[in-house]
Amino acid sequence: MKQYLLITSLTVLLVACGDKAQAPAANTASSAAAPVATQAAAPAAAPAAAPDKEALVGQAKAAAQALGGTLKQELEAAMQAGGPIAALGVCNTKAPEIAKAVSAEKGMAVSRVSLKPRNPTQGVPAEWQAKVLHDFDARKAAGEPADGLAYAEVVGNEFRFMKAIPTGGVCLACHGETLSPDVSAKLKELYPNDLATGFKEGDLRGAFVVVKNLAP
């Protein structure tokens, strides 16, 4: 009888020790699973903010006005000093420099284009610009004021802006239907492939173009 009780007691102790030895293993398994759950709950990245198109249009208008205003001052001064021939010299040499300076100052690429360019290496429009110029012609024919014609769009990471350039009375001396012999001769010298003549006052002579890269 004593031997039976001793065997029974040893069995109970072994079972109890076995339960205690297995418990930490279960706790370890639970702890190992915890980081997986934490990683799965990580939040997604926030989407990039859309560009402020209204602000970009305001900046583009200011850039176009800066180019047009500075060029007009230079041309008027040249006309007073030496007439149309001197003004042609400004367009030939100073206009590209003015566009480059304004572009650097405003942080946007500013230029002028036309369907009838004077300089085939500088004023030829890209495909999308030519499309906008044709649209300007159609809108003007439908009755819209030429000086109010504008276009603005965000395409991918690029902001694009164009503003029409109407032909003013002072422009006719070098861009009109009838030119003086000395102006015609100078044009042939400076621009052998010139297309920018034959305009009447109020005609669309081209447009200012402003482009800004929006990529971060």
N, C-alpha and C. Protein backbone atom coordinates (compact mmCIF):
# COMPACT_ATOMS: atom_id res chain seq x y z
N MET A 1 0.83 -1.21 0.00
CA MET A 1 0.00 0.00 0.00
C MET A 1 0.86 1.25 0.00
N LYS A 2 1.90 1.26 0.82
CA LYS A 2 2.79 2.43 0.86
C LYS A 2 3.48 2.61 -0.47
N GLN A 3 3.84 1.49 -1.09
CA GLN A 3 4.52 1.58 -2.39
C GLN A 3 3.59 2.16 -3.44
N TYR A 4 2.34 1.80 -3.41
CA TYR A 4 1.35 2.33 -4.37
C TYR A 4 1.19 3.82 -4.21
N LEU A 5 1.08 4.32 -2.94
CA LEU A 5 0.91 5.75 -2.69
C LEU A 5 2.13 6.53 -3.17
N LEU A 6 3.34 5.93 -3.02
CA LEU A 6 4.56 6.62 -3.45
C LEU A 6 4.57 6.79 -4.96
N ILE A 7 4.19 5.73 -5.70
CA ILE A 7 4.16 5.81 -7.16
C ILE A 7 3.14 6.84 -7.63
N THR A 8 1.99 6.89 -6.96
CA THR A 8 0.93 7.85 -7.34
C THR A 8 1.40 9.28 -7.15
N SER A 9 2.09 9.54 -6.03
CA SER A 9 2.57 10.90 -5.74
C SER A 9 3.60 11.34 -6.76
N LEU A 10 4.50 10.43 -7.14
CA LEU A 10 5.52 10.77 -8.13
C LEU A 10 4.88 11.10 -9.48
N THR A 11 3.83 10.35 -9.82
CA THR A 11 3.14 10.60 -11.10
C THR A 11 2.52 11.99 -11.13
N VAL A 12 1.89 12.39 -10.03
CA VAL A 12 1.25 13.73 -9.94
C VAL A 12 2.29 14.82 -10.08
N LEU A 13 3.45 14.65 -9.41
CA LEU A 13 4.50 15.66 -9.49
C LEU A 13 5.05 15.79 -10.89
N LEU A 14 5.24 14.67 -11.58
CA LEU A 14 5.75 14.72 -12.95
C LEU A 14 4.79 15.42 -13.89
N VAL A 15 3.51 15.16 -13.75
CA VAL A 15 2.51 15.83 -14.58
C VAL A 15 2.51 17.32 -14.35
N ALA A 16 2.59 17.71 -13.05
CA ALA A 16 2.60 19.13 -12.72
C ALA A 16 3.82 19.82 -13.30
N CYS A 17 4.98 19.19 -13.21
CA CYS A 17 6.19 19.78 -13.78
C CYS A 17 6.11 19.89 -15.28
N GLY A 18 5.49 18.91 -15.92
CA GLY A 18 5.33 18.95 -17.37
C GLY A 18 4.47 20.11 -17.81
N ASP A 19 3.41 20.45 -17.13
CA ASP A 19 2.54 21.59 -17.47
C ASP A 19 3.29 22.90 -17.37
N LYS A 20 4.13 23.01 -16.31
CA LYS A 20 4.87 24.26 -16.13
C LYS A 20 5.94 24.43 -17.20
N ALA A 21 6.52 23.33 -17.65
CA ALA A 21 7.56 23.42 -18.66
C ALA A 21 7.00 23.80 -20.01
N GLN A 22 5.74 23.43 -20.30
CA GLN A 22 5.14 23.74 -21.60
C GLN A 22 4.58 25.15 -21.66
N ALA A 23 4.25 25.76 -20.59
CA ALA A 23 3.61 27.08 -20.58
C ALA A 23 4.47 28.16 -21.23
N PRO A 24 5.76 28.27 -20.90
CA PRO A 24 6.56 29.32 -21.53
C PRO A 24 6.62 29.18 -23.04
N ALA A 25 6.58 27.94 -23.57
CA ALA A 25 6.60 27.75 -25.02
C ALA A 25 5.41 28.39 -25.67
N ALA A 26 4.25 28.26 -25.05
CA ALA A 26 3.02 28.87 -25.59
C ALA A 26 3.13 30.38 -25.56
N ASN A 27 3.66 30.94 -24.45
CA ASN A 27 3.82 32.39 -24.35
C ASN A 27 4.79 32.91 -25.41
N THR A 28 5.87 32.14 -25.66
CA THR A 28 6.86 32.55 -26.66
C THR A 28 6.25 32.62 -28.05
N ALA A 29 5.41 31.62 -28.38
CA ALA A 29 4.75 31.61 -29.68
C ALA A 29 3.85 32.82 -29.84
N SER A 30 3.14 33.21 -28.78
CA SER A 30 2.25 34.39 -28.85
C SER A 30 3.05 35.65 -29.07
N SER A 31 4.21 35.76 -28.37
CA SER A 31 5.05 36.96 -28.51
C SER A 31 5.63 37.06 -29.91
N ALA A 32 6.00 35.92 -30.50
CA ALA A 32 6.58 35.94 -31.85
C ALA A 32 5.58 36.39 -32.89
N ALA A 33 4.30 36.13 -32.67
CA ALA A 33 3.27 36.51 -33.64
C ALA A 33 2.92 37.98 -33.58
N ALA A 34 3.23 38.67 -32.47
CA ALA A 34 2.82 40.06 -32.28
C ALA A 34 3.41 41.01 -33.31
N PRO A 35 4.71 40.97 -33.63
CA PRO A 35 5.25 41.92 -34.60
C PRO A 35 4.61 41.82 -35.97
N VAL A 36 4.21 40.63 -36.39
CA VAL A 36 3.56 40.45 -37.69
C VAL A 36 2.28 41.25 -37.76
N ALA A 37 1.50 41.21 -36.67
CA ALA A 37 0.25 41.96 -36.64
C ALA A 37 0.52 43.46 -36.70
N THR A 38 1.60 43.92 -36.04
CA THR A 38 1.94 45.35 -36.04
C THR A 38 2.32 45.83 -37.45
N GLN A 39 3.11 45.05 -38.19
CA GLN A 39 3.51 45.41 -39.53
C GLN A 39 2.32 45.49 -40.49
N ALA A 40 1.38 44.61 -40.36
CA ALA A 40 0.22 44.57 -41.25
C ALA A 40 -0.65 45.81 -41.08
N ALA A 41 -0.58 46.45 -39.90
CA ALA A 41 -1.45 47.60 -39.62
C ALA A 41 -0.81 48.93 -40.01
N ALA A 42 0.37 48.94 -40.68
CA ALA A 42 1.05 50.18 -41.05
C ALA A 42 0.19 51.00 -42.02
N PRO A 43 0.02 52.33 -41.81
CA PRO A 43 -0.83 53.16 -42.67
C PRO A 43 -0.22 53.38 -44.04
N ALA A 44 -1.05 53.59 -45.08
CA ALA A 44 -0.59 53.86 -46.44
C ALA A 44 -0.09 55.30 -46.56
N ALA A 45 0.83 55.55 -47.50
CA ALA A 45 1.36 56.90 -47.72
C ALA A 45 0.28 57.82 -48.27
N ALA A 46 0.31 59.09 -47.84
CA ALA A 46 -0.68 60.07 -48.29
C ALA A 46 -0.43 60.45 -49.75
N PRO A 47 -1.49 60.64 -50.56
CA PRO A 47 -1.31 61.02 -51.97
C PRO A 47 -0.73 62.43 -52.11
N ALA A 48 -0.01 62.68 -53.19
CA ALA A 48 0.59 64.00 -53.43
C ALA A 48 -0.50 65.04 -53.67
N ALA A 49 -0.27 66.26 -53.18
CA ALA A 49 -1.25 67.33 -53.33
C ALA A 49 -1.31 67.80 -54.79
N ALA A 50 -2.52 68.13 -55.27
CA ALA A 50 -2.70 68.61 -56.64
C ALA A 50 -2.12 70.02 -56.76
N PRO A 51 -1.55 70.37 -57.92
CA PRO A 51 -0.99 71.72 -58.10
C PRO A 51 -2.07 72.79 -58.04
N ASP A 52 -1.71 73.95 -57.53
CA ASP A 52 -2.63 75.08 -57.44
C ASP A 52 -2.65 75.78 -58.81
N LYS A 53 -3.59 75.41 -59.66
CA LYS A 53 -3.62 75.92 -61.02
C LYS A 53 -3.87 77.43 -61.05
N GLU A 54 -4.72 77.91 -60.17
CA GLU A 54 -5.01 79.35 -60.15
C GLU A 54 -3.76 80.16 -59.84
N ALA A 55 -2.97 79.68 -58.88
CA ALA A 55 -1.73 80.38 -58.54
C ALA A 55 -0.74 80.32 -59.70
N LEU A 56 -0.67 79.18 -60.36
CA LEU A 56 0.24 79.03 -61.50
C LEU A 56 -0.15 79.96 -62.64
N VAL A 57 -1.44 80.11 -62.88
CA VAL A 57 -1.91 81.03 -63.94
C VAL A 57 -1.50 82.46 -63.61
N GLY A 58 -1.63 82.84 -62.35
CA GLY A 58 -1.22 84.18 -61.94
C GLY A 58 0.27 84.42 -62.17
N GLN A 59 1.09 83.41 -61.83
CA GLN A 59 2.53 83.51 -62.04
C GLN A 59 2.86 83.58 -63.53
N ALA A 60 2.15 82.79 -64.33
CA ALA A 60 2.41 82.77 -65.77
C ALA A 60 2.04 84.11 -66.41
N LYS A 61 0.92 84.68 -66.01
CA LYS A 61 0.52 85.99 -66.54
C LYS A 61 1.57 87.04 -66.22
N ALA A 62 2.09 86.99 -65.00
CA ALA A 62 3.12 87.96 -64.60
C ALA A 62 4.39 87.77 -65.43
N ALA A 63 4.75 86.52 -65.71
CA ALA A 63 5.94 86.24 -66.52
C ALA A 63 5.76 86.73 -67.95
N ALA A 64 4.58 86.47 -68.54
CA ALA A 64 4.30 86.93 -69.90
C ALA A 64 4.29 88.45 -69.97
N GLN A 65 3.73 89.08 -68.95
CA GLN A 65 3.68 90.54 -68.91
C GLN A 65 5.09 91.12 -68.78
N ALA A 66 5.94 90.45 -68.00
CA ALA A 66 7.31 90.92 -67.85
C ALA A 66 8.06 90.87 -69.17
N LEU A 67 7.89 89.77 -69.91
CA LEU A 67 8.56 89.67 -71.22
C LEU A 67 8.00 90.70 -72.19
N GLY A 68 6.67 90.77 -72.30
CA GLY A 68 6.05 91.71 -73.23
C GLY A 68 6.35 93.16 -72.89
N GLY A 69 6.31 93.50 -71.60
CA GLY A 69 6.55 94.88 -71.19
C GLY A 69 7.98 95.32 -71.44
N THR A 70 8.94 94.46 -71.09
CA THR A 70 10.35 94.80 -71.29
C THR A 70 10.68 94.92 -72.77
N LEU A 71 10.16 93.99 -73.57
CA LEU A 71 10.42 94.02 -75.01
C LEU A 71 9.79 95.27 -75.64
N LYS A 72 8.60 95.63 -75.19
CA LYS A 72 7.93 96.82 -75.74
C LYS A 72 8.75 98.08 -75.45
N GLN A 73 9.28 98.18 -74.24
CA GLN A 73 10.09 99.35 -73.89
C GLN A 73 11.32 99.44 -74.79
N GLU A 74 11.97 98.31 -75.00
CA GLU A 74 13.18 98.30 -75.84
C GLU A 74 12.84 98.68 -77.28
N LEU A 75 11.72 98.17 -77.79
CA LEU A 75 11.33 98.47 -79.18
C LEU A 75 10.94 99.94 -79.35
N GLU A 76 10.20 100.47 -78.39
CA GLU A 76 9.80 101.88 -78.47
C GLU A 76 11.02 102.80 -78.43
N ALA A 77 11.98 102.46 -77.56
CA ALA A 77 13.21 103.27 -77.48
C ALA A 77 14.00 103.19 -78.79
N ALA A 78 14.05 102.02 -79.38
CA ALA A 78 14.77 101.85 -80.64
C ALA A 78 14.08 102.58 -81.78
N MET A 79 12.74 102.55 -81.80
CA MET A 79 11.98 103.26 -82.84
C MET A 79 12.23 104.76 -82.77
N GLN A 80 12.28 105.29 -81.57
CA GLN A 80 12.51 106.72 -81.39
C GLN A 80 13.94 107.09 -81.78
N ALA A 81 14.87 106.19 -81.52
CA ALA A 81 16.28 106.49 -81.79
C ALA A 81 16.66 106.27 -83.25
N GLY A 82 16.12 105.21 -83.86
CA GLY A 82 16.57 104.90 -85.22
C GLY A 82 15.52 104.33 -86.14
N GLY A 83 14.25 104.42 -85.76
CA GLY A 83 13.18 103.96 -86.63
C GLY A 83 13.07 102.44 -86.69
N PRO A 84 12.30 101.92 -87.66
CA PRO A 84 12.05 100.48 -87.75
C PRO A 84 13.30 99.63 -87.90
N ILE A 85 14.32 100.14 -88.58
CA ILE A 85 15.55 99.36 -88.75
C ILE A 85 16.20 99.07 -87.40
N ALA A 86 16.22 100.08 -86.53
CA ALA A 86 16.78 99.89 -85.19
C ALA A 86 15.92 98.91 -84.39
N ALA A 87 14.60 98.98 -84.57
CA ALA A 87 13.70 98.06 -83.86
C ALA A 87 13.94 96.62 -84.30
N LEU A 88 14.22 96.42 -85.59
CA LEU A 88 14.53 95.07 -86.07
C LEU A 88 15.79 94.52 -85.40
N GLY A 89 16.74 95.40 -85.13
CA GLY A 89 17.95 94.98 -84.44
C GLY A 89 17.66 94.51 -83.03
N VAL A 90 16.70 95.17 -82.36
CA VAL A 90 16.30 94.75 -81.00
C VAL A 90 15.70 93.36 -81.03
N CYS A 91 14.79 93.13 -81.98
CA CYS A 91 14.15 91.82 -82.09
C CYS A 91 15.18 90.73 -82.40
N ASN A 92 16.17 91.08 -83.19
CA ASN A 92 17.16 90.10 -83.62
C ASN A 92 18.15 89.73 -82.52
N THR A 93 18.55 90.70 -81.70
CA THR A 93 19.61 90.46 -80.72
C THR A 93 19.13 90.48 -79.26
N LYS A 94 18.27 91.46 -78.93
CA LYS A 94 17.90 91.62 -77.52
C LYS A 94 16.72 90.75 -77.09
N ALA A 95 15.79 90.47 -77.98
CA ALA A 95 14.59 89.71 -77.60
C ALA A 95 14.93 88.35 -76.99
N PRO A 96 15.83 87.56 -77.59
CA PRO A 96 16.18 86.27 -76.96
C PRO A 96 16.82 86.44 -75.58
N GLU A 97 17.64 87.49 -75.42
CA GLU A 97 18.28 87.73 -74.13
C GLU A 97 17.25 88.12 -73.07
N ILE A 98 16.26 88.93 -73.47
CA ILE A 98 15.21 89.33 -72.54
C ILE A 98 14.39 88.11 -72.11
N ALA A 99 14.05 87.26 -73.04
CA ALA A 99 13.28 86.05 -72.72
C ALA A 99 14.05 85.15 -71.76
N LYS A 100 15.35 85.03 -71.98
CA LYS A 100 16.18 84.20 -71.12
C LYS A 100 16.25 84.77 -69.71
N ALA A 101 16.38 86.09 -69.59
CA ALA A 101 16.46 86.73 -68.28
C ALA A 101 15.15 86.61 -67.52
N VAL A 102 14.04 86.82 -68.20
CA VAL A 102 12.72 86.71 -67.54
C VAL A 102 12.47 85.27 -67.09
N SER A 103 12.86 84.30 -67.91
CA SER A 103 12.69 82.90 -67.56
C SER A 103 13.44 82.56 -66.28
N ALA A 104 14.67 83.04 -66.18
CA ALA A 104 15.48 82.77 -64.99
C ALA A 104 14.89 83.45 -63.75
N GLU A 105 14.39 84.66 -63.94
CA GLU A 105 13.84 85.42 -62.81
C GLU A 105 12.55 84.79 -62.29
N LYS A 106 11.68 84.35 -63.19
CA LYS A 106 10.37 83.84 -62.81
C LYS A 106 10.35 82.34 -62.53
N GLY A 107 11.41 81.63 -62.88
CA GLY A 107 11.43 80.19 -62.67
C GLY A 107 10.50 79.44 -63.62
N MET A 108 10.26 80.03 -64.79
CA MET A 108 9.40 79.43 -65.82
C MET A 108 10.04 79.70 -67.18
N ALA A 109 9.83 78.80 -68.13
CA ALA A 109 10.34 79.02 -69.48
C ALA A 109 9.36 79.91 -70.24
N VAL A 110 9.80 81.12 -70.59
CA VAL A 110 8.94 82.11 -71.24
C VAL A 110 9.46 82.37 -72.66
N SER A 111 8.55 82.36 -73.63
CA SER A 111 8.95 82.57 -75.02
C SER A 111 7.77 83.11 -75.83
N ARG A 112 7.99 83.32 -77.14
CA ARG A 112 6.93 83.73 -78.06
C ARG A 112 6.93 82.78 -79.25
N VAL A 113 5.73 82.45 -79.73
CA VAL A 113 5.60 81.59 -80.91
C VAL A 113 4.55 82.18 -81.84
N SER A 114 4.58 81.72 -83.10
CA SER A 114 3.62 82.20 -84.09
C SER A 114 3.45 81.15 -85.18
N LEU A 115 2.26 81.13 -85.79
CA LEU A 115 2.05 80.27 -86.95
C LEU A 115 2.76 80.84 -88.17
N LYS A 116 3.14 82.11 -88.09
CA LYS A 116 3.92 82.76 -89.15
C LYS A 116 5.18 83.35 -88.51
N PRO A 117 6.14 82.50 -88.15
CA PRO A 117 7.32 82.98 -87.42
C PRO A 117 8.27 83.78 -88.30
N ARG A 118 8.95 84.70 -87.67
CA ARG A 118 9.98 85.48 -88.35
C ARG A 118 11.30 84.72 -88.36
N ASN A 119 11.60 84.10 -87.24
CA ASN A 119 12.84 83.34 -87.11
C ASN A 119 12.49 81.86 -87.02
N PRO A 120 12.82 81.06 -88.01
CA PRO A 120 12.43 79.64 -88.02
C PRO A 120 13.12 78.79 -86.97
N THR A 121 14.13 79.34 -86.29
CA THR A 121 14.83 78.58 -85.26
C THR A 121 14.36 78.93 -83.85
N GLN A 122 13.51 79.95 -83.71
CA GLN A 122 13.10 80.39 -82.37
C GLN A 122 11.59 80.47 -82.17
N GLY A 123 10.86 80.90 -83.18
CA GLY A 123 9.44 81.15 -82.97
C GLY A 123 8.49 80.09 -83.47
N VAL A 124 9.02 78.92 -83.87
CA VAL A 124 8.15 77.87 -84.40
C VAL A 124 7.45 77.16 -83.24
N PRO A 125 6.12 77.05 -83.27
CA PRO A 125 5.40 76.43 -82.15
C PRO A 125 5.52 74.91 -82.14
N ALA A 126 5.50 74.34 -80.94
CA ALA A 126 5.40 72.89 -80.80
C ALA A 126 3.99 72.46 -81.21
N GLU A 127 3.76 71.18 -81.30
CA GLU A 127 2.46 70.69 -81.78
C GLU A 127 1.31 71.18 -80.92
N TRP A 128 1.46 71.10 -79.60
CA TRP A 128 0.36 71.53 -78.73
C TRP A 128 0.18 73.05 -78.79
N GLN A 129 1.28 73.79 -79.01
CA GLN A 129 1.19 75.24 -79.11
C GLN A 129 0.49 75.65 -80.40
N ALA A 130 0.79 74.97 -81.51
CA ALA A 130 0.12 75.26 -82.77
C ALA A 130 -1.38 74.99 -82.66
N LYS A 131 -1.75 73.95 -81.95
CA LYS A 131 -3.16 73.64 -81.74
C LYS A 131 -3.86 74.76 -80.99
N VAL A 132 -3.20 75.30 -79.97
CA VAL A 132 -3.77 76.41 -79.19
C VAL A 132 -3.89 77.66 -80.06
N LEU A 133 -2.89 77.93 -80.89
CA LEU A 133 -2.93 79.11 -81.77
C LEU A 133 -4.09 79.02 -82.76
N HIS A 134 -4.32 77.84 -83.32
CA HIS A 134 -5.47 77.65 -84.21
C HIS A 134 -6.78 77.86 -83.45
N ASP A 135 -6.81 77.40 -82.21
CA ASP A 135 -8.01 77.60 -81.37
C ASP A 135 -8.22 79.08 -81.10
N PHE A 136 -7.14 79.82 -80.86
CA PHE A 136 -7.25 81.28 -80.66
C PHE A 136 -7.86 81.93 -81.90
N ASP A 137 -7.41 81.53 -83.09
CA ASP A 137 -7.95 82.09 -84.33
C ASP A 137 -9.45 81.84 -84.43
N ALA A 138 -9.88 80.62 -84.09
CA ALA A 138 -11.30 80.27 -84.15
C ALA A 138 -12.10 81.06 -83.13
N ARG A 139 -11.57 81.23 -81.95
CA ARG A 139 -12.28 81.99 -80.91
C ARG A 139 -12.39 83.47 -81.28
N LYS A 140 -11.32 84.01 -81.88
CA LYS A 140 -11.38 85.41 -82.32
C LYS A 140 -12.41 85.58 -83.43
N ALA A 141 -12.43 84.62 -84.37
CA ALA A 141 -13.41 84.68 -85.46
C ALA A 141 -14.84 84.59 -84.93
N ALA A 142 -14.99 83.95 -83.77
CA ALA A 142 -16.33 83.82 -83.17
C ALA A 142 -16.72 85.04 -82.35
N GLY A 143 -15.80 86.01 -82.24
CA GLY A 143 -16.15 87.26 -81.58
C GLY A 143 -15.43 87.56 -80.28
N GLU A 144 -14.57 86.67 -79.80
CA GLU A 144 -13.85 86.95 -78.56
C GLU A 144 -12.78 88.00 -78.79
N PRO A 145 -12.58 88.95 -77.84
CA PRO A 145 -11.53 89.96 -77.97
C PRO A 145 -10.15 89.30 -78.02
N ALA A 146 -9.32 89.74 -78.95
CA ALA A 146 -8.01 89.11 -79.14
C ALA A 146 -7.13 89.24 -77.90
N ASP A 147 -7.21 90.38 -77.20
CA ASP A 147 -6.32 90.59 -76.06
C ASP A 147 -6.74 89.78 -74.83
N GLY A 148 -7.89 89.10 -74.89
CA GLY A 148 -8.33 88.28 -73.76
C GLY A 148 -8.17 86.79 -73.98
N LEU A 149 -7.64 86.39 -75.12
CA LEU A 149 -7.50 84.97 -75.43
C LEU A 149 -6.33 84.36 -74.65
N ALA A 150 -6.63 83.31 -73.88
CA ALA A 150 -5.60 82.65 -73.08
C ALA A 150 -5.93 81.16 -72.93
N TYR A 151 -4.91 80.40 -72.58
CA TYR A 151 -5.04 78.95 -72.40
C TYR A 151 -4.18 78.56 -71.22
N ALA A 152 -4.67 77.64 -70.38
CA ALA A 152 -3.89 77.13 -69.25
C ALA A 152 -4.29 75.69 -68.98
N GLU A 153 -3.29 74.83 -68.79
CA GLU A 153 -3.57 73.41 -68.55
C GLU A 153 -2.37 72.76 -67.87
N VAL A 154 -2.66 71.75 -67.02
CA VAL A 154 -1.61 70.93 -66.42
C VAL A 154 -1.62 69.59 -67.15
N VAL A 155 -0.51 69.24 -67.76
CA VAL A 155 -0.38 67.99 -68.50
C VAL A 155 0.76 67.18 -67.88
N GLY A 156 0.41 66.10 -67.18
CA GLY A 156 1.42 65.33 -66.47
C GLY A 156 2.08 66.18 -65.40
N ASN A 157 3.39 66.34 -65.47
CA ASN A 157 4.14 67.17 -64.52
C ASN A 157 4.49 68.53 -65.11
N GLU A 158 3.74 68.97 -66.13
CA GLU A 158 4.05 70.23 -66.80
C GLU A 158 2.84 71.16 -66.81
N PHE A 159 3.07 72.40 -66.37
CA PHE A 159 2.03 73.43 -66.47
C PHE A 159 2.28 74.23 -67.74
N ARG A 160 1.22 74.41 -68.54
CA ARG A 160 1.32 75.11 -69.82
C ARG A 160 0.38 76.30 -69.85
N PHE A 161 0.89 77.44 -70.33
CA PHE A 161 0.08 78.66 -70.42
C PHE A 161 0.42 79.38 -71.72
N MET A 162 -0.61 79.93 -72.37
CA MET A 162 -0.40 80.76 -73.56
C MET A 162 -1.35 81.95 -73.52
N LYS A 163 -0.85 83.08 -73.99
CA LYS A 163 -1.66 84.31 -74.08
C LYS A 163 -1.44 84.93 -75.45
N ALA A 164 -2.54 85.24 -76.14
CA ALA A 164 -2.47 85.76 -77.50
C ALA A 164 -1.78 87.12 -77.55
N ILE A 165 -1.08 87.37 -78.67
CA ILE A 165 -0.44 88.67 -78.94
C ILE A 165 -1.14 89.31 -80.14
N PRO A 166 -2.00 90.32 -79.90
CA PRO A 166 -2.63 91.01 -81.03
C PRO A 166 -1.61 91.92 -81.72
N THR A 167 -1.83 92.20 -82.99
CA THR A 167 -0.96 93.10 -83.75
C THR A 167 -1.36 94.54 -83.48
N GLY A 168 -0.44 95.31 -82.89
CA GLY A 168 -0.70 96.72 -82.62
C GLY A 168 -0.30 97.59 -83.80
N GLY A 169 -0.74 98.82 -83.78
CA GLY A 169 -0.43 99.74 -84.87
C GLY A 169 1.06 99.94 -85.07
N VAL A 170 1.82 100.00 -83.95
CA VAL A 170 3.26 100.22 -84.04
C VAL A 170 3.98 99.02 -84.66
N CYS A 171 3.32 97.86 -84.64
CA CYS A 171 3.95 96.63 -85.19
C CYS A 171 3.92 96.60 -86.71
N LEU A 172 3.03 97.40 -87.33
CA LEU A 172 2.82 97.29 -88.76
C LEU A 172 4.01 97.74 -89.59
N ALA A 173 4.88 98.57 -89.01
CA ALA A 173 6.06 99.03 -89.76
C ALA A 173 6.97 97.87 -90.14
N CYS A 174 6.96 96.81 -89.31
CA CYS A 174 7.82 95.65 -89.59
C CYS A 174 7.03 94.37 -89.86
N HIS A 175 5.73 94.39 -89.57
CA HIS A 175 4.92 93.18 -89.74
C HIS A 175 3.69 93.39 -90.64
N GLY A 176 3.51 94.61 -91.16
CA GLY A 176 2.30 94.93 -91.90
C GLY A 176 2.27 94.42 -93.33
N GLU A 177 1.23 94.83 -94.04
CA GLU A 177 1.04 94.40 -95.43
C GLU A 177 1.94 95.17 -96.38
N THR A 178 2.21 96.44 -96.04
CA THR A 178 3.07 97.28 -96.89
C THR A 178 4.27 97.75 -96.08
N LEU A 179 5.47 97.40 -96.54
CA LEU A 179 6.70 97.74 -95.83
C LEU A 179 7.56 98.66 -96.69
N SER A 180 8.32 99.52 -96.02
CA SER A 180 9.23 100.39 -96.76
C SER A 180 10.36 99.57 -97.37
N PRO A 181 10.96 100.06 -98.45
CA PRO A 181 12.04 99.30 -99.11
C PRO A 181 13.21 98.97 -98.19
N ASP A 182 13.58 99.91 -97.31
CA ASP A 182 14.72 99.63 -96.43
C ASP A 182 14.38 98.56 -95.39
N VAL A 183 13.12 98.54 -94.92
CA VAL A 183 12.71 97.50 -93.97
C VAL A 183 12.69 96.14 -94.66
N SER A 184 12.14 96.09 -95.87
CA SER A 184 12.10 94.84 -96.62
C SER A 184 13.52 94.29 -96.85
N ALA A 185 14.45 95.19 -97.18
CA ALA A 185 15.82 94.78 -97.44
C ALA A 185 16.48 94.23 -96.16
N LYS A 186 16.21 94.91 -95.03
CA LYS A 186 16.79 94.47 -93.75
C LYS A 186 16.22 93.12 -93.33
N LEU A 187 14.93 92.92 -93.57
CA LEU A 187 14.29 91.65 -93.22
C LEU A 187 14.91 90.50 -94.03
N LYS A 188 15.15 90.76 -95.30
CA LYS A 188 15.76 89.72 -96.14
C LYS A 188 17.17 89.39 -95.67
N GLU A 189 17.86 90.41 -95.14
CA GLU A 189 19.21 90.20 -94.64
C GLU A 189 19.20 89.39 -93.33
N LEU A 190 18.32 89.78 -92.41
CA LEU A 190 18.30 89.14 -91.09
C LEU A 190 17.52 87.82 -91.08
N TYR A 191 16.43 87.80 -91.84
CA TYR A 191 15.53 86.64 -91.82
C TYR A 191 15.15 86.23 -93.24
N PRO A 192 15.99 85.48 -93.91
CA PRO A 192 15.72 85.08 -95.30
C PRO A 192 14.41 84.30 -95.46
N ASN A 193 13.99 83.60 -94.41
CA ASN A 193 12.77 82.78 -94.48
C ASN A 193 11.62 83.40 -93.68
N ASP A 194 11.63 84.71 -93.58
CA ASP A 194 10.62 85.44 -92.79
C ASP A 194 9.20 85.17 -93.30
N LEU A 195 8.30 84.85 -92.35
CA LEU A 195 6.87 84.68 -92.66
C LEU A 195 6.00 85.70 -91.94
N ALA A 196 6.60 86.52 -91.09
CA ALA A 196 5.84 87.38 -90.18
C ALA A 196 5.49 88.74 -90.78
N THR A 197 4.93 88.76 -91.98
CA THR A 197 4.45 90.00 -92.59
C THR A 197 3.03 89.77 -93.10
N GLY A 198 2.41 90.87 -93.55
CA GLY A 198 1.05 90.77 -94.08
C GLY A 198 -0.04 90.89 -93.03
N PHE A 199 0.32 91.30 -91.83
CA PHE A 199 -0.66 91.45 -90.75
C PHE A 199 -1.36 92.80 -90.83
N LYS A 200 -2.60 92.80 -90.34
CA LYS A 200 -3.36 94.04 -90.15
C LYS A 200 -3.51 94.29 -88.66
N GLU A 201 -3.78 95.52 -88.28
CA GLU A 201 -3.95 95.84 -86.86
C GLU A 201 -5.10 95.01 -86.28
N GLY A 202 -4.84 94.39 -85.14
CA GLY A 202 -5.85 93.55 -84.50
C GLY A 202 -5.72 92.07 -84.81
N ASP A 203 -4.95 91.74 -85.86
CA ASP A 203 -4.74 90.32 -86.18
C ASP A 203 -3.95 89.64 -85.05
N LEU A 204 -4.12 88.33 -84.94
CA LEU A 204 -3.32 87.57 -83.99
C LEU A 204 -1.95 87.31 -84.61
N ARG A 205 -0.93 87.87 -84.02
CA ARG A 205 0.43 87.71 -84.55
C ARG A 205 1.12 86.50 -83.94
N GLY A 206 0.65 86.02 -82.81
CA GLY A 206 1.27 84.88 -82.13
C GLY A 206 0.81 84.83 -80.69
N ALA A 207 1.65 84.28 -79.82
CA ALA A 207 1.29 84.17 -78.41
C ALA A 207 2.53 84.05 -77.54
N PHE A 208 2.39 84.51 -76.31
CA PHE A 208 3.40 84.24 -75.29
C PHE A 208 3.17 82.81 -74.80
N VAL A 209 4.25 82.11 -74.53
CA VAL A 209 4.18 80.74 -74.01
C VAL A 209 4.95 80.70 -72.69
N VAL A 210 4.31 80.12 -71.68
CA VAL A 210 4.96 79.95 -70.37
C VAL A 210 4.82 78.48 -69.97
N VAL A 211 5.93 77.84 -69.65
CA VAL A 211 5.93 76.42 -69.27
C VAL A 211 6.69 76.26 -67.97
N LYS A 212 6.11 75.48 -67.04
CA LYS A 212 6.78 75.22 -65.76
C LYS A 212 6.76 73.73 -65.46
N ASN A 213 7.91 73.19 -65.11
CA ASN A 213 8.02 71.78 -64.73
C ASN A 213 7.59 71.63 -63.27
N LEU A 214 6.60 70.78 -63.01
CA LEU A 214 6.06 70.60 -61.67
C LEU A 214 6.62 69.37 -60.96
N ALA A 215 7.52 68.64 -61.61
CA ALA A 215 8.08 67.43 -60.99
C ALA A 215 8.87 67.80 -59.74
N PRO A 216 8.74 67.01 -58.64
CA PRO A 216 9.46 67.33 -57.39
C PRO A 216 10.96 67.17 -57.54
